[in-house]
Every structure is written in C-alpha cells, then in structure tokens.
N, C-alpha and C. Protein backbone atom coordinates (compact mmCIF):
# COMPACT_ATOMS: atom_id res chain seq x y z
N UNK A 1 -2.27 -5.15 -9.90
CA UNK A 1 -1.48 -5.93 -8.98
C UNK A 1 -0.67 -5.04 -8.04
N UNK A 2 -0.24 -3.88 -8.54
CA UNK A 2 0.55 -2.98 -7.70
C UNK A 2 -0.25 -2.52 -6.48
N UNK A 3 -1.57 -2.36 -6.65
CA UNK A 3 -2.39 -1.94 -5.51
C UNK A 3 -2.37 -3.00 -4.40
N UNK A 4 -2.38 -4.26 -4.78
CA UNK A 4 -2.32 -5.35 -3.80
C UNK A 4 -0.98 -5.34 -3.08
N UNK A 5 0.09 -5.13 -3.81
CA UNK A 5 1.43 -5.07 -3.22
C UNK A 5 1.51 -3.91 -2.24
N UNK A 6 0.99 -2.76 -2.63
CA UNK A 6 1.03 -1.59 -1.75
C UNK A 6 0.20 -1.83 -0.49
N UNK A 7 -1.00 -2.38 -0.63
CA UNK A 7 -1.82 -2.68 0.54
C UNK A 7 -1.10 -3.63 1.49
N UNK A 8 -0.49 -4.66 0.91
CA UNK A 8 0.23 -5.63 1.74
C UNK A 8 1.37 -4.97 2.51
N UNK A 9 2.10 -4.10 1.85
CA UNK A 9 3.23 -3.42 2.50
C UNK A 9 2.76 -2.49 3.61
N UNK A 10 1.70 -1.73 3.34
CA UNK A 10 1.17 -0.83 4.36
C UNK A 10 0.57 -1.64 5.51
N UNK A 11 0.05 -2.82 5.19
CA UNK A 11 -0.48 -3.70 6.23
C UNK A 11 0.58 -4.18 7.20
N UNK A 12 1.79 -4.32 6.71
CA UNK A 12 2.91 -4.72 7.58
C UNK A 12 3.31 -3.60 8.52
N UNK A 13 3.35 -2.37 7.95
CA UNK A 13 3.80 -1.22 8.72
C UNK A 13 3.41 0.05 7.99
N UNK A 14 2.91 1.05 8.70
CA UNK A 14 2.61 2.32 8.04
C UNK A 14 3.85 2.84 7.31
N UNK A 15 3.62 3.44 6.15
CA UNK A 15 4.76 3.88 5.34
C UNK A 15 4.37 5.04 4.44
N UNK A 16 5.36 5.81 4.06
CA UNK A 16 5.19 6.87 3.08
C UNK A 16 5.51 6.36 1.69
N UNK A 17 5.24 7.17 0.69
CA UNK A 17 5.47 6.76 -0.69
C UNK A 17 6.90 6.36 -1.00
N UNK A 18 7.86 7.12 -0.49
CA UNK A 18 9.27 6.78 -0.74
C UNK A 18 9.64 5.43 -0.13
N UNK A 19 9.16 5.18 1.09
CA UNK A 19 9.44 3.89 1.75
C UNK A 19 8.79 2.73 0.99
N UNK A 20 7.59 2.96 0.49
CA UNK A 20 6.90 1.92 -0.28
C UNK A 20 7.69 1.59 -1.54
N UNK A 21 8.13 2.63 -2.26
CA UNK A 21 8.91 2.40 -3.48
C UNK A 21 10.22 1.67 -3.18
N UNK A 22 10.88 2.05 -2.08
CA UNK A 22 12.14 1.38 -1.70
C UNK A 22 11.88 -0.08 -1.35
N UNK A 23 10.78 -0.36 -0.67
CA UNK A 23 10.45 -1.75 -0.29
C UNK A 23 10.15 -2.59 -1.52
N UNK A 24 9.45 -2.01 -2.50
CA UNK A 24 9.15 -2.74 -3.73
C UNK A 24 10.45 -3.06 -4.47
N UNK A 25 11.35 -2.11 -4.53
CA UNK A 25 12.65 -2.34 -5.17
C UNK A 25 13.40 -3.46 -4.45
N UNK A 26 13.41 -3.42 -3.13
CA UNK A 26 14.13 -4.43 -2.35
C UNK A 26 13.51 -5.81 -2.50
N UNK A 27 12.19 -5.89 -2.44
CA UNK A 27 11.51 -7.20 -2.47
C UNK A 27 11.38 -7.78 -3.87
N UNK A 28 11.10 -6.93 -4.85
CA UNK A 28 10.77 -7.42 -6.19
C UNK A 28 11.83 -7.11 -7.24
N UNK A 29 12.80 -6.27 -6.88
CA UNK A 29 13.87 -5.95 -7.82
C UNK A 29 13.47 -5.00 -8.93
N UNK A 30 12.35 -4.32 -8.77
CA UNK A 30 11.92 -3.32 -9.75
C UNK A 30 11.69 -2.00 -9.03
N UNK A 31 11.98 -0.93 -9.74
CA UNK A 31 11.81 0.40 -9.18
C UNK A 31 10.55 1.03 -9.75
N UNK A 32 9.47 1.06 -8.96
CA UNK A 32 8.24 1.63 -9.50
C UNK A 32 8.34 3.14 -9.63
N UNK A 33 7.65 3.65 -10.61
CA UNK A 33 7.64 5.09 -10.84
C UNK A 33 6.74 5.78 -9.80
N UNK A 34 7.16 6.95 -9.34
CA UNK A 34 6.28 7.73 -8.46
C UNK A 34 4.96 8.06 -9.17
N UNK A 35 4.98 8.09 -10.52
CA UNK A 35 3.78 8.37 -11.30
C UNK A 35 2.79 7.21 -11.26
N UNK A 36 3.22 6.08 -10.75
CA UNK A 36 2.35 4.92 -10.55
C UNK A 36 1.95 4.84 -9.08
N UNK A 37 2.92 4.95 -8.18
CA UNK A 37 2.68 4.73 -6.75
C UNK A 37 1.78 5.80 -6.15
N UNK A 38 2.08 7.07 -6.38
CA UNK A 38 1.28 8.13 -5.72
C UNK A 38 -0.17 8.18 -6.20
N UNK A 39 -0.44 8.02 -7.49
CA UNK A 39 -1.86 7.96 -7.88
C UNK A 39 -2.58 6.75 -7.26
N UNK A 40 -1.89 5.61 -7.16
CA UNK A 40 -2.51 4.45 -6.52
C UNK A 40 -2.79 4.72 -5.04
N UNK A 41 -1.88 5.40 -4.37
CA UNK A 41 -2.12 5.75 -2.97
C UNK A 41 -3.36 6.64 -2.86
N UNK A 42 -3.51 7.59 -3.78
CA UNK A 42 -4.70 8.45 -3.78
C UNK A 42 -5.97 7.64 -4.01
N UNK A 43 -5.91 6.70 -4.94
CA UNK A 43 -7.07 5.85 -5.23
C UNK A 43 -7.43 5.01 -4.01
N UNK A 44 -6.44 4.35 -3.41
CA UNK A 44 -6.68 3.51 -2.24
C UNK A 44 -7.24 4.32 -1.08
N UNK A 45 -6.75 5.54 -0.94
CA UNK A 45 -7.26 6.42 0.11
C UNK A 45 -8.71 6.83 -0.21
N UNK A 46 -8.98 7.14 -1.46
CA UNK A 46 -10.33 7.50 -1.88
C UNK A 46 -11.33 6.37 -1.69
N UNK A 47 -10.86 5.12 -1.82
CA UNK A 47 -11.71 3.95 -1.61
C UNK A 47 -11.87 3.62 -0.13
N UNK A 48 -11.15 4.35 0.72
CA UNK A 48 -11.27 4.12 2.16
C UNK A 48 -10.47 2.93 2.67
N UNK A 49 -9.52 2.43 1.85
CA UNK A 49 -8.71 1.27 2.25
C UNK A 49 -7.49 1.67 3.07
N UNK A 50 -7.02 2.89 2.83
CA UNK A 50 -5.88 3.42 3.60
C UNK A 50 -6.20 4.85 4.03
N UNK A 51 -5.46 5.28 5.02
CA UNK A 51 -5.59 6.66 5.50
C UNK A 51 -4.21 7.27 5.55
N UNK A 52 -4.08 8.46 5.01
CA UNK A 52 -2.79 9.16 5.03
C UNK A 52 -2.79 10.26 6.07
N UNK A 53 -1.70 10.32 6.81
CA UNK A 53 -1.52 11.38 7.81
C UNK A 53 -0.20 12.06 7.55
N UNK A 54 -0.22 13.36 7.69
CA UNK A 54 1.00 14.15 7.48
C UNK A 54 2.06 13.74 8.48
N UNK A 55 3.22 13.34 7.97
CA UNK A 55 4.36 13.02 8.81
C UNK A 55 5.35 14.17 8.77
N UNK A 56 6.55 13.94 9.25
CA UNK A 56 7.58 14.98 9.23
C UNK A 56 8.00 15.34 7.81
N UNK A 57 8.25 14.29 6.99
CA UNK A 57 8.72 14.53 5.63
C UNK A 57 7.61 14.41 4.59
N UNK A 58 6.75 13.46 4.79
CA UNK A 58 5.72 13.17 3.80
C UNK A 58 4.52 12.53 4.47
N UNK A 59 3.50 12.30 3.70
CA UNK A 59 2.30 11.63 4.19
C UNK A 59 2.65 10.18 4.51
N UNK A 60 2.17 9.70 5.64
CA UNK A 60 2.38 8.31 6.04
C UNK A 60 1.02 7.62 5.97
N UNK A 61 1.00 6.47 5.30
CA UNK A 61 -0.25 5.75 5.07
C UNK A 61 -0.35 4.54 5.98
N UNK A 62 -1.58 4.29 6.44
CA UNK A 62 -1.86 3.10 7.24
C UNK A 62 -3.18 2.50 6.77
N UNK A 63 -3.37 1.22 7.03
CA UNK A 63 -4.62 0.56 6.65
C UNK A 63 -5.75 1.04 7.54
N UNK A 64 -6.93 1.17 6.96
CA UNK A 64 -8.14 1.41 7.72
C UNK A 64 -8.75 0.05 8.06
N UNK A 65 -9.83 0.05 8.81
CA UNK A 65 -10.52 -1.21 9.11
C UNK A 65 -10.99 -1.86 7.80
N UNK A 66 -11.46 -1.04 6.87
CA UNK A 66 -11.89 -1.55 5.56
C UNK A 66 -10.71 -2.16 4.80
N UNK A 67 -9.55 -1.53 4.89
CA UNK A 67 -8.35 -2.05 4.25
C UNK A 67 -7.90 -3.38 4.84
N UNK A 68 -7.99 -3.48 6.17
CA UNK A 68 -7.64 -4.75 6.83
C UNK A 68 -8.58 -5.86 6.40
N UNK A 69 -9.86 -5.55 6.30
CA UNK A 69 -10.83 -6.54 5.85
C UNK A 69 -10.54 -6.97 4.41
N UNK A 70 -10.14 -6.02 3.57
CA UNK A 70 -9.80 -6.33 2.18
C UNK A 70 -8.59 -7.26 2.10
N UNK A 71 -7.60 -7.01 2.92
CA UNK A 71 -6.41 -7.88 2.97
C UNK A 71 -6.81 -9.30 3.38
N UNK A 72 -7.66 -9.41 4.39
CA UNK A 72 -8.11 -10.73 4.84
C UNK A 72 -8.88 -11.45 3.74
N UNK A 73 -9.73 -10.71 3.03
CA UNK A 73 -10.48 -11.29 1.92
C UNK A 73 -9.53 -11.80 0.84
N UNK A 74 -8.51 -11.01 0.51
CA UNK A 74 -7.52 -11.43 -0.48
C UNK A 74 -6.81 -12.70 -0.04
N UNK A 75 -6.48 -12.78 1.23
CA UNK A 75 -5.81 -14.00 1.74
C UNK A 75 -6.70 -15.22 1.56
N UNK A 76 -7.98 -15.06 1.83
CA UNK A 76 -8.92 -16.17 1.66
C UNK A 76 -9.08 -16.56 0.20
N UNK A 77 -9.23 -15.57 -0.66
CA UNK A 77 -9.46 -15.83 -2.08
C UNK A 77 -8.23 -16.47 -2.72
N UNK A 78 -7.05 -15.96 -2.38
CA UNK A 78 -5.83 -16.40 -3.07
C UNK A 78 -5.08 -17.53 -2.37
N UNK A 79 -5.58 -18.01 -1.25
CA UNK A 79 -4.85 -19.07 -0.56
C UNK A 79 -4.84 -20.37 -1.35
N UNK A 80 -5.82 -20.55 -2.21
CA UNK A 80 -5.90 -21.79 -2.99
C UNK A 80 -5.16 -21.73 -4.32
N UNK A 81 -4.61 -20.55 -4.62
CA UNK A 81 -3.90 -20.41 -5.91
C UNK A 81 -2.46 -20.81 -5.75
C-alpha cells in the first residue's frame, strides 16, 4: 500500500524522499521509516514507474508515462470500492 501512496504523492508533484516522508506524516499521521521509503523508491524506479533526477540536496522523483498510466489504472480499478 505504501507504494500506491508514494506514487500518488509523486503524481501530485515531484518530490524527494524527505518530502515524501514529511507528506505521509502530515496526511496520515504516521512517520514512515527511511528503510521503507527509499527501497520502495528504488523498486518503483526499477519498474519504470518513476524517474529520479539529482537535485540540489537529494534525488527528486517524478512519474514517468508508465507511472501516470498506472495511476490512471488504479483510479479506474478502485473507484468502485
């Protein structure tokens, strides 16, 4: 489920790992471990759903075309739930 949350957040706006963790804390009231978030970012990048680019402080992630399609598919699948 965390992968879906991360994709959704990156879909709103490109973000680095620290920003993603802060957003999850703000929205869901839980502080995810970097040991969960960063490996998931690597997996999502390996699957071609996101792309990371070196920023000033850290890597900034954005959705790829494949990632955008995945988000749309999730919206279709879960709209009836």
